[in-house]
C-alpha atoms as a PDB file:
ATOM      1  CA  MET A   1       0.000   0.000   0.000  1.00  0.00           C
ATOM      2  CA  GLY A   2       2.906   2.324   0.760  1.00  0.00           C
ATOM      3  CA  ASP A   3       4.291   1.749  -2.752  1.00  0.00           C
ATOM      4  CA  LEU A   4       0.990   2.893  -4.231  1.00  0.00           C
ATOM      5  CA  PHE A   5       1.087   6.146  -2.260  1.00  0.00           C
ATOM      6  CA  LEU A   6       4.701   6.702  -3.284  1.00  0.00           C
ATOM      7  CA  LEU A   7       3.786   6.167  -6.932  1.00  0.00           C
ATOM      8  CA  ILE A   8       0.894   8.634  -6.648  1.00  0.00           C
ATOM      9  CA  ALA A   9       3.197  11.220  -5.040  1.00  0.00           C
ATOM     10  CA  VAL A  10       5.810  10.832  -7.796  1.00  0.00           C
ATOM     11  CA  VAL A  11       3.210  11.124 -10.567  1.00  0.00           C
ATOM     12  CA  GLU A  12       1.692  14.170  -8.860  1.00  0.00           C
ATOM     13  CA  THR A  13       5.103  15.811  -8.551  1.00  0.00           C
ATOM     14  CA  ILE A  14       5.891  15.190 -12.211  1.00  0.00           C
ATOM     15  CA  PHE A  15       2.493  16.569 -13.234  1.00  0.00           C
ATOM     16  CA  ILE A  16       2.911  19.738 -11.167  1.00  0.00           C
ATOM     17  CA  VAL A  17       6.438  20.403 -12.445  1.00  0.00           C
ATOM     18  CA  LEU A  18       5.418  19.824 -16.075  1.00  0.00           C
ATOM     19  CA  PHE A  19       2.268  21.953 -15.726  1.00  0.00           C
ATOM     20  CA  ALA A  20       4.184  24.771 -14.067  1.00  0.00           C
ATOM     21  CA  ASN A  21       7.024  24.561 -16.583  1.00  0.00           C
ATOM     22  CA  TYR A  22       4.588  24.595 -19.516  1.00  0.00           C
ATOM     23  CA  ASN A  23       3.092  27.848 -18.195  1.00  0.00           C
ATOM     24  CA  HIS A  24       6.368  29.419 -17.041  1.00  0.00           C
ATOM     25  CA  ILE A  25       6.055  32.254 -19.531  1.00  0.00           C
ATOM     26  CA  GLN A  26       3.089  33.708 -17.704  1.00  0.00           C
ATOM     27  CA  ASP A  27       3.643  35.993 -14.749  1.00  0.00           C
ATOM     28  CA  LEU A  28       1.217  36.471 -11.913  1.00  0.00           C
ATOM     29  CA  ASN A  29       0.659  39.925 -10.504  1.00  0.00           C
ATOM     30  CA  LEU A  30      -0.184  39.555  -6.828  1.00  0.00           C
ATOM     31  CA  GLN A  31      -1.317  42.166  -4.342  1.00  0.00           C
ATOM     32  CA  ILE A  32      -1.179  41.710  -0.590  1.00  0.00           C
ATOM     33  CA  MET A  33      -4.619  42.322   0.867  1.00  0.00           C
ATOM     34  CA  TYR A  34      -5.317  45.679   2.539  1.00  0.00           C
ATOM     35  CA  THR A  35      -1.995  47.100   1.346  1.00  0.00           C
ATOM     36  CA  ASN A  36      -0.758  48.773  -1.798  1.00  0.00           C
ATOM     37  CA  TYR A  37       2.090  46.275  -2.182  1.00  0.00           C
ATOM     38  CA  ASN A  38       2.095  44.593  -5.611  1.00  0.00           C
ATOM     39  CA  PHE A  39       4.617  42.115  -6.940  1.00  0.00           C
ATOM     40  CA  SER A  40       5.042  39.870  -9.923  1.00  0.00           C
ATOM     41  CA  ILE A  41       6.018  36.192  -9.710  1.00  0.00           C
ATOM     42  CA  SER A  42       6.366  33.555 -12.393  1.00  0.00           C
ATOM     43  CA  PHE A  43       3.711  30.867 -12.539  1.00  0.00           C
ATOM     44  CA  PHE A  44       6.361  28.142 -12.203  1.00  0.00           C
ATOM     45  CA  VAL A  45       7.682  29.552  -8.916  1.00  0.00           C
ATOM     46  CA  PHE A  46       4.125  30.072  -7.674  1.00  0.00           C
ATOM     47  CA  CYS A  47       3.234  26.424  -8.367  1.00  0.00           C
ATOM     48  CA  LEU A  48       6.401  25.188  -6.659  1.00  0.00           C
ATOM     49  CA  ILE A  49       5.726  27.328  -3.593  1.00  0.00           C
ATOM     50  CA  LEU A  50       2.162  25.996  -3.352  1.00  0.00           C
ATOM     51  CA  TYR A  51       3.421  22.434  -3.818  1.00  0.00           C
ATOM     52  CA  LEU A  52       6.024  22.787  -1.072  1.00  0.00           C
ATOM     53  CA  LEU A  53       3.454  24.366   1.269  1.00  0.00           C
ATOM     54  CA  GLY A  54       1.157  21.398   0.583  1.00  0.00           C
ATOM     55  CA  ILE A  55       3.960  18.974   1.432  1.00  0.00           C
ATOM     56  CA  LEU A  56       4.661  20.890   4.643  1.00  0.00           C
ATOM     57  CA  ALA A  57       0.972  20.790   5.588  1.00  0.00           C
ATOM     58  CA  GLY A  58       0.884  17.035   4.953  1.00  0.00           C
ATOM     59  CA  ILE A  59       3.962  16.493   7.106  1.00  0.00           C
ATOM     60  CA  LEU A  60       2.461  18.514   9.947  1.00  0.00           C
ATOM     61  CA  ILE A  61      -0.833  16.626   9.762  1.00  0.00           C
ATOM     62  CA  MET A  62       0.992  13.277   9.817  1.00  0.00           C
ATOM     63  CA  PHE A  63       3.162  14.443  12.726  1.00  0.00           C
ATOM     64  CA  LYS A  64       0.028  15.379  14.681  1.00  0.00           C
ATOM     65  CA  GLY A  65      -1.380  11.903  14.017  1.00  0.00           C
ATOM     66  CA  TYR A  66       1.897  10.315  15.076  1.00  0.00           C
ATOM     67  CA  LEU A  67       1.952  12.261  18.336  1.00  0.00           C
ATOM     68  CA  SER A  68      -1.656  11.406  19.176  1.00  0.00           C
ATOM     69  CA  GLY A  69      -0.981   7.734  18.393  1.00  0.00           C
ATOM     70  CA  ALA A  70       2.103   7.756  20.590  1.00  0.00           C
ATOM     71  CA  LYS A  71       0.090   9.379  23.374  1.00  0.00           C
ATOM     72  CA  GLN A  72      -2.566   6.662  23.136  1.00  0.00           C
ATOM     73  CA  ILE A  73       0.078   3.931  23.166  1.00  0.00           C
ATOM     74  CA  ASN A  74       1.673   5.424  26.274  1.00  0.00           C
ATOM     75  CA  SER A  75      -1.693   5.613  28.052  1.00  0.00           C
ATOM     76  CA  VAL A  76      -2.386   1.957  27.221  1.00  0.00           C
ATOM     77  CA  LYS A  77       1.089   1.002  28.492  1.00  0.00           C
ATOM     78  CA  ARG A  78       0.463   2.848  31.773  1.00  0.00           C
ATOM     79  CA  LYS A  79      -2.907   1.160  32.120  1.00  0.00           C
ATOM     80  CA  LEU A  80      -1.354  -2.269  31.542  1.00  0.00           C
ATOM     81  CA  GLU A  81       1.443  -1.545  34.020  1.00  0.00           C
ATOM     82  CA  LYS A  82      -1.122  -0.450  36.602  1.00  0.00           C
ATOM     83  CA  THR A  83      -3.170  -3.613  36.158  1.00  0.00           C
ATOM     84  CA  SER A  84      -0.041  -5.777  36.392  1.00  0.00           C
ATOM     85  CA  VAL A  85       0.989  -3.955  39.581  1.00  0.00           C
ATOM     86  CA  ASP A  86      -2.520  -4.466  40.965  1.00  0.00           C
ATOM     87  CA  ALA A  87      -2.303  -8.159  40.079  1.00  0.00           C
ATOM     88  CA  ASP A  88       1.085  -8.421  41.807  1.00  0.00           C
ATOM     89  CA  ASP A  89      -0.373  -6.713  44.887  1.00  0.00           C
ATOM     90  CA  SER A  90      -3.295  -9.156  44.894  1.00  0.00           C
ATOM     91  CA  GLU A  91      -0.939 -12.134  44.680  1.00  0.00           C
ATOM     92  CA  LEU A  92       1.153 -10.706  47.512  1.00  0.00           C
ATOM     93  CA  LYS A  93      -1.943 -10.225  49.673  1.00  0.00           C
ATOM     94  CA  ILE A  94      -3.045 -13.811  48.993  1.00  0.00           C
ATOM     95  CA  LYS A  95       0.383 -15.194  49.952  1.00  0.00           C
ATOM     96  CA  THR A  96       0.385 -13.068  53.108  1.00  0.00           C
ATOM     97  CA  LEU A  97      -3.060 -14.346  54.093  1.00  0.00           C
ATOM     98  CA  GLU A  98      -2.030 -17.947  53.381  1.00  0.00           C
ATOM     99  CA  ASN A  99       1.015 -17.537  55.625  1.00  0.00           C
ATOM    100  CA  LYS A 100      -1.168 -16.073  58.398  1.00  0.00           C
ATOM    101  CA  ILE A 101      -3.566 -19.005  58.097  1.00  0.00           C
ATOM    102  CA  LYS A 102      -0.668 -21.465  58.366  1.00  0.00           C
ATOM    103  CA  MET A 103       0.666 -19.681  61.427  1.00  0.00           C
ATOM    104  CA  LEU A 104      -2.786 -19.694  63.036  1.00  0.00           C
ATOM    105  CA  GLU A 105      -3.169 -23.418  62.297  1.00  0.00           C
ATOM    106  CA  VAL A 106       0.199 -24.122  63.897  1.00  0.00           C
ATOM    107  CA  ALA A 107      -0.757 -22.000  66.928  1.00  0.00           C
ATOM    108  CA  LEU A 108      -4.104 -23.809  67.183  1.00  0.00           C
ATOM    109  CA  ASP A 109      -2.393 -27.210  67.041  1.00  0.00           C
ATOM    110  CA  LYS A 110       0.024 -26.152  69.828  1.00  0.00           C
ATOM    111  CA  ALA A 111      -2.846 -24.818  71.912  1.00  0.00           C
ATOM    112  CA  LEU A 112      -4.841 -28.040  71.477  1.00  0.00           C
ATOM    113  CA  LYS A 113      -1.863 -30.187  72.480  1.00  0.00           C
ATOM    114  CA  LYS A 114      -1.532 -28.392  75.789  1.00  0.00           C
END
């Protein structure tokens, strides 16, 4: 499945570069909103900037997903550790109670012999 996504990304990259290069003669006149600042940029550079910003956005979205997944894994690990500690405590309590019962049985036997 990963190879399919890689193939799609390569084809998309080739398409964007060819499309931008085909229209490189055209210039875009851009104006920053609410200002009088105008500038001209080639269509090829504009397409590459948009493409790189899209890649950056994709990386950030995937990083957010990775961090949330790691957070969930850590919470599950803590939960499992807590349950294992609780199980160990239960086993320790059972052994302690068994030892107390044995000691009481021995004390009862001694008391009955007297």
